[in-house]
Amino acid sequence: MVTIEIVRANHLQTGYPTPGVVRKRAFETERAVVSETHLEAGVVAGWHHHGERELYGFVISGRMRLEFGKSGREHVEVGPGDFFHIPPRLVHRDMNPDKENMLRVASVVFGPGPAVINVTGPDP
């Protein structure tokens, strides 16, 4: 019988690691990962990219700064209710500029290959 799958908040699985980032997976198939990401107040995550995959995100609460580009000099900021897209192979890092509140983001990463590839930094 066809049915609707539900994953309750207390049943999320550990997601793919990046220093400073807590990822919790709800669903994963060969081509997609649906997860929630947390960054504690003031955290600067490690540099990473999503290989051949696209990432679409939605900020649930808090603020996020995404650094990217040559030597990581470019950035964008998003807040509650904002959606964002990170294209394949774009090296970036997530930052929570808020010194008091946690950041929560829901995201879908889809495409072939690994969901997260940690790197030492962007190209100089």
Protein backbone atom coordinates (compact mmCIF):
# COMPACT_ATOMS: atom_id res chain seq x y z
CA MET A 1 0.00 0.00 0.00
CA VAL A 2 1.24 3.49 -0.86
CA THR A 3 1.45 5.75 2.18
CA ILE A 4 2.96 8.99 3.45
CA GLU A 5 6.25 8.69 5.33
CA ILE A 6 6.80 10.75 8.46
CA VAL A 7 10.01 11.24 10.41
CA ARG A 8 9.40 12.83 13.80
CA ALA A 9 11.90 15.37 15.15
CA ASN A 10 13.09 12.91 17.80
CA HIS A 11 13.83 10.25 15.14
CA LEU A 12 16.17 12.22 12.87
CA GLN A 13 19.44 10.42 12.04
CA THR A 14 22.96 11.82 12.30
CA GLY A 15 23.82 13.66 9.10
CA TYR A 16 27.07 14.15 7.22
CA PRO A 17 29.76 15.87 9.32
CA THR A 18 31.45 19.22 8.76
CA PRO A 19 33.31 20.88 11.64
CA GLY A 20 30.94 23.23 13.49
CA VAL A 21 27.79 21.94 11.77
CA VAL A 22 25.23 19.56 13.25
CA ARG A 23 23.22 17.88 10.49
CA LYS A 24 20.22 15.65 11.17
CA ARG A 25 18.81 13.59 8.28
CA ALA A 26 15.10 12.98 7.81
CA PHE A 27 15.21 11.22 4.43
CA GLU A 28 17.97 9.95 2.17
CA THR A 29 17.92 8.24 -1.20
CA GLU A 30 20.64 7.73 -3.79
CA ARG A 31 19.77 11.14 -5.29
CA ALA A 32 18.48 13.27 -2.40
CA VAL A 33 19.08 14.09 1.26
CA VAL A 34 16.54 16.05 3.31
CA SER A 35 17.93 17.36 6.57
CA GLU A 36 17.97 19.98 9.28
CA THR A 37 21.19 21.86 10.07
CA HIS A 38 22.06 23.54 13.36
CA LEU A 39 24.88 25.97 14.14
CA GLU A 40 25.31 27.09 17.71
CA ALA A 41 25.62 30.82 18.46
CA GLY A 42 28.75 32.38 16.97
CA VAL A 43 29.93 29.20 15.20
CA VAL A 44 32.00 29.35 12.01
CA ALA A 45 31.77 26.01 10.17
CA GLY A 46 34.47 24.32 8.15
CA TRP A 47 34.84 24.82 4.41
CA HIS A 48 32.98 22.29 2.26
CA HIS A 49 31.00 21.77 -0.93
CA HIS A 50 28.32 19.37 -2.08
CA GLY A 51 30.09 17.78 -5.04
CA GLU A 52 27.77 17.38 -8.02
CA ARG A 53 24.71 18.03 -5.88
CA GLU A 54 22.50 21.14 -5.67
CA LEU A 55 21.49 22.43 -2.23
CA TYR A 56 18.26 24.31 -1.61
CA GLY A 57 17.73 25.66 1.89
CA PHE A 58 15.24 27.50 4.07
CA VAL A 59 16.17 29.38 7.25
CA ILE A 60 13.85 28.26 10.05
CA SER A 61 15.36 30.48 12.76
CA GLY A 62 18.45 32.57 13.33
CA ARG A 63 20.72 34.25 10.80
CA MET A 64 23.27 32.68 8.49
CA ARG A 65 26.23 34.13 6.64
CA LEU A 66 27.54 32.04 3.74
CA GLU A 67 31.12 32.78 2.70
CA PHE A 68 32.36 31.67 -0.72
CA GLY A 69 34.28 32.84 -3.78
CA LYS A 70 37.96 33.51 -4.35
CA SER A 71 39.72 33.26 -0.96
CA GLY A 72 36.24 33.23 0.65
CA ARG A 73 35.88 36.99 0.18
CA GLU A 74 32.28 36.96 -1.04
CA HIS A 75 29.32 36.43 1.25
CA VAL A 76 25.54 36.57 1.53
CA GLU A 77 23.34 36.69 4.61
CA VAL A 78 19.96 35.05 5.04
CA GLY A 79 17.44 35.12 7.87
CA PRO A 80 14.19 33.52 9.00
CA GLY A 81 11.88 32.77 6.09
CA ASP A 82 14.60 33.19 3.45
CA PHE A 83 15.31 30.51 0.85
CA PHE A 84 18.73 30.01 -0.75
CA HIS A 85 20.45 27.85 -3.39
CA ILE A 86 24.07 26.63 -3.40
CA PRO A 87 25.18 25.32 -6.82
CA PRO A 88 27.30 22.18 -7.29
CA ARG A 89 30.99 22.34 -6.34
CA LEU A 90 30.77 25.84 -4.78
CA VAL A 91 33.20 25.82 -1.84
CA HIS A 92 31.59 27.69 1.07
CA ARG A 93 31.25 27.79 4.82
CA ASP A 94 28.26 28.48 7.02
CA MET A 95 28.50 31.00 9.85
CA ASN A 96 26.11 31.95 12.62
CA PRO A 97 26.86 35.64 13.25
CA ASP A 98 24.44 35.75 16.19
CA LYS A 99 26.33 35.44 19.49
CA GLU A 100 23.22 34.39 21.44
CA ASN A 101 20.89 32.27 19.29
CA MET A 102 21.17 28.98 17.43
CA LEU A 103 20.70 28.85 13.66
CA ARG A 104 18.30 26.24 12.20
CA VAL A 105 18.08 25.51 8.47
CA ALA A 106 16.07 22.92 6.52
CA SER A 107 17.71 21.77 3.30
CA VAL A 108 17.41 19.40 0.38
CA VAL A 109 20.57 18.28 -1.39
CA PHE A 110 19.98 16.43 -4.63
CA GLY A 111 21.99 14.95 -7.46
CA PRO A 112 24.58 12.17 -7.78
CA GLY A 113 27.58 11.54 -5.55
CA PRO A 114 28.55 12.46 -2.00
CA ALA A 115 26.31 14.91 -0.14
CA VAL A 116 29.19 16.72 1.63
CA ILE A 117 32.87 17.06 0.78
CA ASN A 118 34.97 18.84 3.44
CA VAL A 119 37.95 20.84 2.12
CA THR A 120 40.68 23.06 3.58
CA GLY A 121 39.32 26.24 2.00
CA PRO A 122 38.41 28.00 -1.25
CA ASP A 123 40.88 28.71 -4.02
CA PRO A 124 43.08 31.73 -3.30
